[in-house]
PDB file of all heavy atoms in Angstrom:
ATOM      1  N   ARG A   1     126.997  59.735  99.230  1.00  0.00           N
ATOM      2  CA  ARG A   1     128.272  59.277  99.761  1.00  0.00           C
ATOM      3  C   ARG A   1     129.481  60.067  99.237  1.00  0.00           C
ATOM      4  O   ARG A   1     130.509  60.134  99.868  1.00  0.00           O
ATOM      5  CB  ARG A   1     128.483  57.834  99.339  1.00  0.00           C
ATOM      6  CG  ARG A   1     127.536  56.832 100.055  1.00  0.00           C
ATOM      7  CD  ARG A   1     127.658  55.449  99.456  1.00  0.00           C
ATOM      8  NE  ARG A   1     126.906  54.477 100.295  1.00  0.00           N
ATOM      9  CZ  ARG A   1     126.491  53.313  99.796  1.00  0.00           C
ATOM     10  NH1 ARG A   1     126.739  52.977  98.595  1.00  0.00           N
ATOM     11  NH2 ARG A   1     125.885  52.467 100.599  1.00  0.00           N
ATOM     12  N   HIS A   2     129.325  60.739  98.064  1.00  0.00           N
ATOM     13  CA  HIS A   2     130.467  61.415  97.428  1.00  0.00           C
ATOM     14  C   HIS A   2     130.160  62.896  97.274  1.00  0.00           C
ATOM     15  O   HIS A   2     129.017  63.336  97.100  1.00  0.00           O
ATOM     16  CB  HIS A   2     130.687  60.801  96.050  1.00  0.00           C
ATOM     17  CG  HIS A   2     130.936  59.293  96.088  1.00  0.00           C
ATOM     18  ND1 HIS A   2     132.140  58.716  96.354  1.00  0.00           N
ATOM     19  CD2 HIS A   2     130.059  58.253  95.918  1.00  0.00           C
ATOM     20  CE1 HIS A   2     132.024  57.395  96.324  1.00  0.00           C
ATOM     21  NE2 HIS A   2     130.750  57.102  96.085  1.00  0.00           N
ATOM     22  N   GLU A   3     131.212  63.672  97.291  1.00  0.00           N
ATOM     23  CA  GLU A   3     131.137  65.140  97.213  1.00  0.00           C
ATOM     24  C   GLU A   3     130.847  65.612  95.737  1.00  0.00           C
ATOM     25  O   GLU A   3     131.657  66.333  95.156  1.00  0.00           O
ATOM     26  CB  GLU A   3     132.411  65.760  97.777  1.00  0.00           C
ATOM     27  CG  GLU A   3     132.584  65.484  99.286  1.00  0.00           C
ATOM     28  CD  GLU A   3     133.992  65.863  99.719  1.00  0.00           C
ATOM     29  OE1 GLU A   3     134.844  66.207  98.902  1.00  0.00           O
ATOM     30  OE2 GLU A   3     134.222  65.829 100.957  1.00  0.00           O
ATOM     31  N   MET A   4     129.700  65.187  95.256  1.00  0.00           N
ATOM     32  CA  MET A   4     129.310  65.501  93.898  1.00  0.00           C
ATOM     33  C   MET A   4     128.715  66.888  93.768  1.00  0.00           C
ATOM     34  O   MET A   4     128.668  67.483  92.660  1.00  0.00           O
ATOM     35  CB  MET A   4     128.369  64.453  93.327  1.00  0.00           C
ATOM     36  CG  MET A   4     128.991  63.054  93.302  1.00  0.00           C
ATOM     37  SD  MET A   4     127.743  61.794  92.881  1.00  0.00           S
ATOM     38  CE  MET A   4     127.212  62.273  91.241  1.00  0.00           C
ATOM     39  N   ASN A   5     128.212  67.430  94.874  1.00  0.00           N
ATOM     40  CA  ASN A   5     127.527  68.753  94.853  1.00  0.00           C
ATOM     41  C   ASN A   5     128.168  69.692  95.868  1.00  0.00           C
ATOM     42  O   ASN A   5     127.475  70.409  96.547  1.00  0.00           O
ATOM     43  CB  ASN A   5     126.063  68.541  95.158  1.00  0.00           C
ATOM     44  CG  ASN A   5     125.378  67.734  94.102  1.00  0.00           C
ATOM     45  OD1 ASN A   5     125.200  68.167  92.984  1.00  0.00           O
ATOM     46  ND2 ASN A   5     125.012  66.498  94.414  1.00  0.00           N
ATOM     47  N   GLY A   6     129.509  69.634  95.891  1.00  0.00           N
ATOM     48  CA  GLY A   6     130.212  70.545  96.841  1.00  0.00           C
ATOM     49  C   GLY A   6     131.305  69.768  97.565  1.00  0.00           C
ATOM     50  O   GLY A   6     131.051  68.691  98.147  1.00  0.00           O
ATOM     51  N   SER A   7     132.511  70.311  97.525  1.00  0.00           N
ATOM     52  CA  SER A   7     133.637  69.713  98.247  1.00  0.00           C
ATOM     53  C   SER A   7     133.517  69.990  99.742  1.00  0.00           C
ATOM     54  O   SER A   7     132.714  70.803 100.166  1.00  0.00           O
ATOM     55  CB  SER A   7     134.949  70.294  97.669  1.00  0.00           C
ATOM     56  OG  SER A   7     135.017  71.706  98.066  1.00  0.00           O
ATOM     57  N   LEU A   8     134.322  69.274 100.510  1.00  0.00           N
ATOM     58  CA  LEU A   8     134.335  69.540 101.950  1.00  0.00           C
ATOM     59  C   LEU A   8     134.595  71.028 102.268  1.00  0.00           C
ATOM     60  O   LEU A   8     133.925  71.662 103.051  1.00  0.00           O
ATOM     61  CB  LEU A   8     135.415  68.720 102.631  1.00  0.00           C
ATOM     62  CG  LEU A   8     135.632  68.929 104.113  1.00  0.00           C
ATOM     63  CD1 LEU A   8     134.344  68.603 104.915  1.00  0.00           C
ATOM     64  CD2 LEU A   8     136.739  68.004 104.590  1.00  0.00           C
ATOM     65  N   ASP A   9     135.523  71.667 101.523  1.00  0.00           N
ATOM     66  CA  ASP A   9     135.795  73.075 101.736  1.00  0.00           C
ATOM     67  C   ASP A   9     134.609  73.916 101.415  1.00  0.00           C
ATOM     68  O   ASP A   9     134.262  74.856 102.158  1.00  0.00           O
ATOM     69  CB  ASP A   9     137.013  73.502 100.866  1.00  0.00           C
ATOM     70  CG  ASP A   9     137.403  74.932 101.113  1.00  0.00           C
ATOM     71  OD1 ASP A   9     138.067  75.177 102.146  1.00  0.00           O
ATOM     72  OD2 ASP A   9     137.088  75.808 100.281  1.00  0.00           O
ATOM     73  N   GLU A  10     133.877  73.632 100.343  1.00  0.00           N
ATOM     74  CA  GLU A  10     132.682  74.390  99.956  1.00  0.00           C
ATOM     75  C   GLU A  10     131.574  74.220 100.968  1.00  0.00           C
ATOM     76  O   GLU A  10     130.828  75.151 101.247  1.00  0.00           O
ATOM     77  CB  GLU A  10     132.218  73.989  98.554  1.00  0.00           C
ATOM     78  CG  GLU A  10     133.145  74.388  97.429  1.00  0.00           C
ATOM     79  CD  GLU A  10     132.713  73.861  96.128  1.00  0.00           C
ATOM     80  OE1 GLU A  10     132.378  72.698  96.014  1.00  0.00           O
ATOM     81  OE2 GLU A  10     132.709  74.668  95.100  1.00  0.00           O
ATOM     82  N   ILE A  11     131.461  73.021 101.531  1.00  0.00           N
ATOM     83  CA  ILE A  11     130.394  72.763 102.536  1.00  0.00           C
ATOM     84  C   ILE A  11     130.682  73.523 103.808  1.00  0.00           C
ATOM     85  O   ILE A  11     129.821  74.168 104.384  1.00  0.00           O
ATOM     86  CB  ILE A  11     130.291  71.252 102.780  1.00  0.00           C
ATOM     87  CG1 ILE A  11     129.687  70.545 101.566  1.00  0.00           C
ATOM     88  CG2 ILE A  11     129.389  70.993 104.038  1.00  0.00           C
ATOM     89  CD1 ILE A  11     129.815  69.043 101.633  1.00  0.00           C
ATOM     90  N   VAL A  12     131.979  73.530 104.235  1.00  0.00           N
ATOM     91  CA  VAL A  12     132.365  74.290 105.439  1.00  0.00           C
ATOM     92  C   VAL A  12     132.135  75.808 105.207  1.00  0.00           C
ATOM     93  O   VAL A  12     131.683  76.497 106.053  1.00  0.00           O
ATOM     94  CB  VAL A  12     133.816  73.977 105.829  1.00  0.00           C
ATOM     95  CG1 VAL A  12     134.315  74.898 106.942  1.00  0.00           C
ATOM     96  CG2 VAL A  12     133.927  72.514 106.281  1.00  0.00           C
ATOM     97  N   ALA A  13     132.508  76.252 103.966  1.00  0.00           N
ATOM     98  CA  ALA A  13     132.332  77.686 103.661  1.00  0.00           C
ATOM     99  C   ALA A  13     130.822  78.078 103.761  1.00  0.00           C
ATOM    100  O   ALA A  13     130.501  79.127 104.257  1.00  0.00           O
ATOM    101  CB  ALA A  13     132.827  77.964 102.239  1.00  0.00           C
ATOM    102  N   ALA A  14     129.904  77.190 103.288  1.00  0.00           N
ATOM    103  CA  ALA A  14     128.522  77.474 103.352  1.00  0.00           C
ATOM    104  C   ALA A  14     128.078  77.581 104.787  1.00  0.00           C
ATOM    105  O   ALA A  14     127.286  78.438 105.151  1.00  0.00           O
ATOM    106  CB  ALA A  14     127.742  76.356 102.595  1.00  0.00           C
ATOM    107  N   CYS A  15     128.589  76.630 105.651  1.00  0.00           N
ATOM    108  CA  CYS A  15     128.201  76.664 107.053  1.00  0.00           C
ATOM    109  C   CYS A  15     128.611  78.013 107.685  1.00  0.00           C
ATOM    110  O   CYS A  15     127.859  78.625 108.395  1.00  0.00           O
ATOM    111  CB  CYS A  15     128.926  75.542 107.811  1.00  0.00           C
ATOM    112  SG  CYS A  15     128.344  73.897 107.422  1.00  0.00           S
ATOM    113  N   SER A  16     129.822  78.462 107.327  1.00  0.00           N
ATOM    114  CA  SER A  16     130.321  79.722 107.868  1.00  0.00           C
ATOM    115  C   SER A  16     129.527  80.902 107.455  1.00  0.00           C
ATOM    116  O   SER A  16     129.284  81.851 108.191  1.00  0.00           O
ATOM    117  CB  SER A  16     131.808  79.888 107.469  1.00  0.00           C
ATOM    118  OG  SER A  16     132.362  81.078 108.004  1.00  0.00           O
ATOM    119  N   ARG A  17     129.099  80.955 106.189  1.00  0.00           N
ATOM    120  CA  ARG A  17     128.278  82.072 105.687  1.00  0.00           C
ATOM    121  C   ARG A  17     126.906  82.090 106.399  1.00  0.00           C
ATOM    122  O   ARG A  17     126.369  83.205 106.595  1.00  0.00           O
ATOM    123  CB  ARG A  17     128.098  81.908 104.198  1.00  0.00           C
ATOM    124  CG  ARG A  17     129.317  82.087 103.313  1.00  0.00           C
ATOM    125  CD  ARG A  17     128.940  82.099 101.837  1.00  0.00           C
ATOM    126  NE  ARG A  17     130.094  82.052 101.027  1.00  0.00           N
ATOM    127  CZ  ARG A  17     130.559  80.949 100.423  1.00  0.00           C
ATOM    128  NH1 ARG A  17     129.842  79.824 100.503  1.00  0.00           N
ATOM    129  NH2 ARG A  17     131.620  80.969  99.692  1.00  0.00           N
ATOM    130  N   LEU A  18     126.373  80.923 106.705  1.00  0.00           N
ATOM    131  CA  LEU A  18     125.013  80.867 107.200  1.00  0.00           C
ATOM    132  C   LEU A  18     124.864  81.023 108.713  1.00  0.00           C
ATOM    133  O   LEU A  18     123.788  81.334 109.197  1.00  0.00           O
ATOM    134  CB  LEU A  18     124.400  79.560 106.735  1.00  0.00           C
ATOM    135  CG  LEU A  18     124.150  79.505 105.207  1.00  0.00           C
ATOM    136  CD1 LEU A  18     124.037  78.097 104.711  1.00  0.00           C
ATOM    137  CD2 LEU A  18     122.886  80.297 104.822  1.00  0.00           C
ATOM    138  N   VAL A  19     125.886  80.807 109.458  1.00  0.00           N
ATOM    139  CA  VAL A  19     125.839  80.891 110.938  1.00  0.00           C
ATOM    140  C   VAL A  19     126.278  82.295 111.383  1.00  0.00           C
ATOM    141  O   VAL A  19     127.182  82.898 110.776  1.00  0.00           O
ATOM    142  CB  VAL A  19     126.669  79.819 111.597  1.00  0.00           C
ATOM    143  CG1 VAL A  19     128.157  80.095 111.500  1.00  0.00           C
ATOM    144  CG2 VAL A  19     126.268  79.598 113.035  1.00  0.00           C
ATOM    145  N   ARG A  20     125.629  82.770 112.430  1.00  0.00           N
ATOM    146  CA  ARG A  20     125.970  84.084 112.968  1.00  0.00           C
ATOM    147  C   ARG A  20     127.295  84.027 113.741  1.00  0.00           C
ATOM    148  O   ARG A  20     127.775  82.946 114.124  1.00  0.00           O
ATOM    149  CB  ARG A  20     124.858  84.576 113.897  1.00  0.00           C
ATOM    150  CG  ARG A  20     124.704  83.749 115.152  1.00  0.00           C
ATOM    151  CD  ARG A  20     123.741  84.415 116.159  1.00  0.00           C
ATOM    152  NE  ARG A  20     123.456  83.576 117.276  1.00  0.00           N
ATOM    153  CZ  ARG A  20     124.243  83.405 118.359  1.00  0.00           C
ATOM    154  NH1 ARG A  20     125.423  84.026 118.377  1.00  0.00           N
ATOM    155  NH2 ARG A  20     123.902  82.630 119.352  1.00  0.00           N
ATOM    156  N   ALA A  21     127.901  85.181 113.977  1.00  0.00           N
ATOM    157  CA  ALA A  21     129.095  85.287 114.829  1.00  0.00           C
ATOM    158  C   ALA A  21     128.756  84.719 116.215  1.00  0.00           C
ATOM    159  O   ALA A  21     127.764  85.119 116.789  1.00  0.00           O
ATOM    160  CB  ALA A  21     129.597  86.711 114.907  1.00  0.00           C
ATOM    161  N   GLY A  22     129.602  83.835 116.716  1.00  0.00           N
ATOM    162  CA  GLY A  22     129.349  83.209 117.965  1.00  0.00           C
ATOM    163  C   GLY A  22     128.469  81.964 117.884  1.00  0.00           C
ATOM    164  O   GLY A  22     128.353  81.253 118.871  1.00  0.00           O
ATOM    165  N   GLY A  23     127.828  81.744 116.710  1.00  0.00           N
ATOM    166  CA  GLY A  23     126.984  80.594 116.596  1.00  0.00           C
ATOM    167  C   GLY A  23     127.802  79.345 116.386  1.00  0.00           C
ATOM    168  O   GLY A  23     129.004  79.419 116.176  1.00  0.00           O
ATOM    169  N   ARG A  24     127.179  78.201 116.393  1.00  0.00           N
ATOM    170  CA  ARG A  24     127.822  76.905 116.374  1.00  0.00           C
ATOM    171  C   ARG A  24     127.578  76.145 115.120  1.00  0.00           C
ATOM    172  O   ARG A  24     126.462  76.128 114.594  1.00  0.00           O
ATOM    173  CB  ARG A  24     127.338  76.055 117.587  1.00  0.00           C
ATOM    174  CG  ARG A  24     127.632  76.697 118.904  1.00  0.00           C
ATOM    175  CD  ARG A  24     129.087  76.518 119.348  1.00  0.00           C
ATOM    176  NE  ARG A  24     129.427  77.389 120.503  1.00  0.00           N
ATOM    177  CZ  ARG A  24     130.374  77.124 121.374  1.00  0.00           C
ATOM    178  NH1 ARG A  24     131.069  76.029 121.263  1.00  0.00           N
ATOM    179  NH2 ARG A  24     130.669  77.940 122.351  1.00  0.00           N
ATOM    180  N   VAL A  25     128.604  75.436 114.651  1.00  0.00           N
ATOM    181  CA  VAL A  25     128.464  74.497 113.494  1.00  0.00           C
ATOM    182  C   VAL A  25     128.898  73.159 113.969  1.00  0.00           C
ATOM    183  O   VAL A  25     130.022  73.007 114.514  1.00  0.00           O
ATOM    184  CB  VAL A  25     129.394  74.995 112.352  1.00  0.00           C
ATOM    185  CG1 VAL A  25     129.358  73.903 111.246  1.00  0.00           C
ATOM    186  CG2 VAL A  25     128.854  76.324 111.755  1.00  0.00           C
ATOM    187  N   SER A  26     128.027  72.200 113.824  1.00  0.00           N
ATOM    188  CA  SER A  26     128.310  70.794 114.259  1.00  0.00           C
ATOM    189  C   SER A  26     128.337  69.854 113.060  1.00  0.00           C
ATOM    190  O   SER A  26     127.445  69.897 112.221  1.00  0.00           O
ATOM    191  CB  SER A  26     127.312  70.317 115.278  1.00  0.00           C
ATOM    192  OG  SER A  26     127.308  71.184 116.414  1.00  0.00           O
ATOM    193  N   MET A  27     129.338  68.979 113.001  1.00  0.00           N
ATOM    194  CA  MET A  27     129.508  68.080 111.870  1.00  0.00           C
ATOM    195  C   MET A  27     129.870  66.653 112.326  1.00  0.00           C
ATOM    196  O   MET A  27     130.500  66.530 113.369  1.00  0.00           O
ATOM    197  CB  MET A  27     130.622  68.597 110.958  1.00  0.00           C
ATOM    198  CG  MET A  27     131.000  67.738 109.790  1.00  0.00           C
ATOM    199  SD  MET A  27     132.488  68.315 108.866  1.00  0.00           S
ATOM    200  CE  MET A  27     131.786  69.816 108.107  1.00  0.00           C
ATOM    201  N   VAL A  28     129.444  65.664 111.600  1.00  0.00           N
ATOM    202  CA  VAL A  28     129.880  64.325 111.775  1.00  0.00           C
ATOM    203  C   VAL A  28     130.602  63.924 110.490  1.00  0.00           C
ATOM    204  O   VAL A  28     130.158  64.191 109.392  1.00  0.00           O
ATOM    205  CB  VAL A  28     128.724  63.359 112.132  1.00  0.00           C
ATOM    206  CG1 VAL A  28     127.678  63.294 111.064  1.00  0.00           C
ATOM    207  CG2 VAL A  28     129.263  61.966 112.444  1.00  0.00           C
ATOM    208  N   HIS A  29     131.759  63.243 110.651  1.00  0.00           N
ATOM    209  CA  HIS A  29     132.531  62.853 109.473  1.00  0.00           C
ATOM    210  C   HIS A  29     133.406  61.686 109.788  1.00  0.00           C
ATOM    211  O   HIS A  29     133.285  61.061 110.932  1.00  0.00           O
ATOM    212  CB  HIS A  29     133.370  64.041 109.023  1.00  0.00           C
ATOM    213  CG  HIS A  29     133.519  64.140 107.498  1.00  0.00           C
ATOM    214  ND1 HIS A  29     134.228  63.234 106.782  1.00  0.00           N
ATOM    215  CD2 HIS A  29     133.052  65.106 106.626  1.00  0.00           C
ATOM    216  CE1 HIS A  29     134.194  63.548 105.509  1.00  0.00           C
ATOM    217  NE2 HIS A  29     133.490  64.664 105.371  1.00  0.00           N
ATOM    218  N   ARG A  30     134.302  61.337 108.942  1.00  0.00           N
ATOM    219  CA  ARG A  30     135.282  60.254 109.119  1.00  0.00           C
ATOM    220  C   ARG A  30     136.562  60.801 109.728  1.00  0.00           C
ATOM    221  O   ARG A  30     137.092  61.854 109.297  1.00  0.00           O
ATOM    222  CB  ARG A  30     135.583  59.544 107.827  1.00  0.00           C
ATOM    223  CG  ARG A  30     134.421  58.672 107.351  1.00  0.00           C
ATOM    224  CD  ARG A  30     134.856  57.890 106.132  1.00  0.00           C
ATOM    225  NE  ARG A  30     133.789  56.934 105.739  1.00  0.00           N
ATOM    226  CZ  ARG A  30     133.855  56.197 104.671  1.00  0.00           C
ATOM    227  NH1 ARG A  30     134.910  56.230 103.871  1.00  0.00           N
ATOM    228  NH2 ARG A  30     132.861  55.377 104.341  1.00  0.00           N
ATOM    229  N   PRO A  31     137.173  60.136 110.710  1.00  0.00           N
ATOM    230  CA  PRO A  31     138.401  60.558 111.317  1.00  0.00           C
ATOM    231  C   PRO A  31     139.554  60.723 110.296  1.00  0.00           C
ATOM    232  O   PRO A  31     140.426  61.550 110.459  1.00  0.00           O
ATOM    233  CB  PRO A  31     138.742  59.448 112.314  1.00  0.00           C
ATOM    234  CG  PRO A  31     137.419  58.818 112.681  1.00  0.00           C
ATOM    235  CD  PRO A  31     136.630  58.917 111.396  1.00  0.00           C
TER     236      PRO A  31
END
């Protein structure tokens, strides 16, 4: 439930590093 192993920014950064150019990142979160 809590960002104990990575902040929102760090999680988004990881997604960006791991996806190719033009690839998609999909997330579910709270509004």
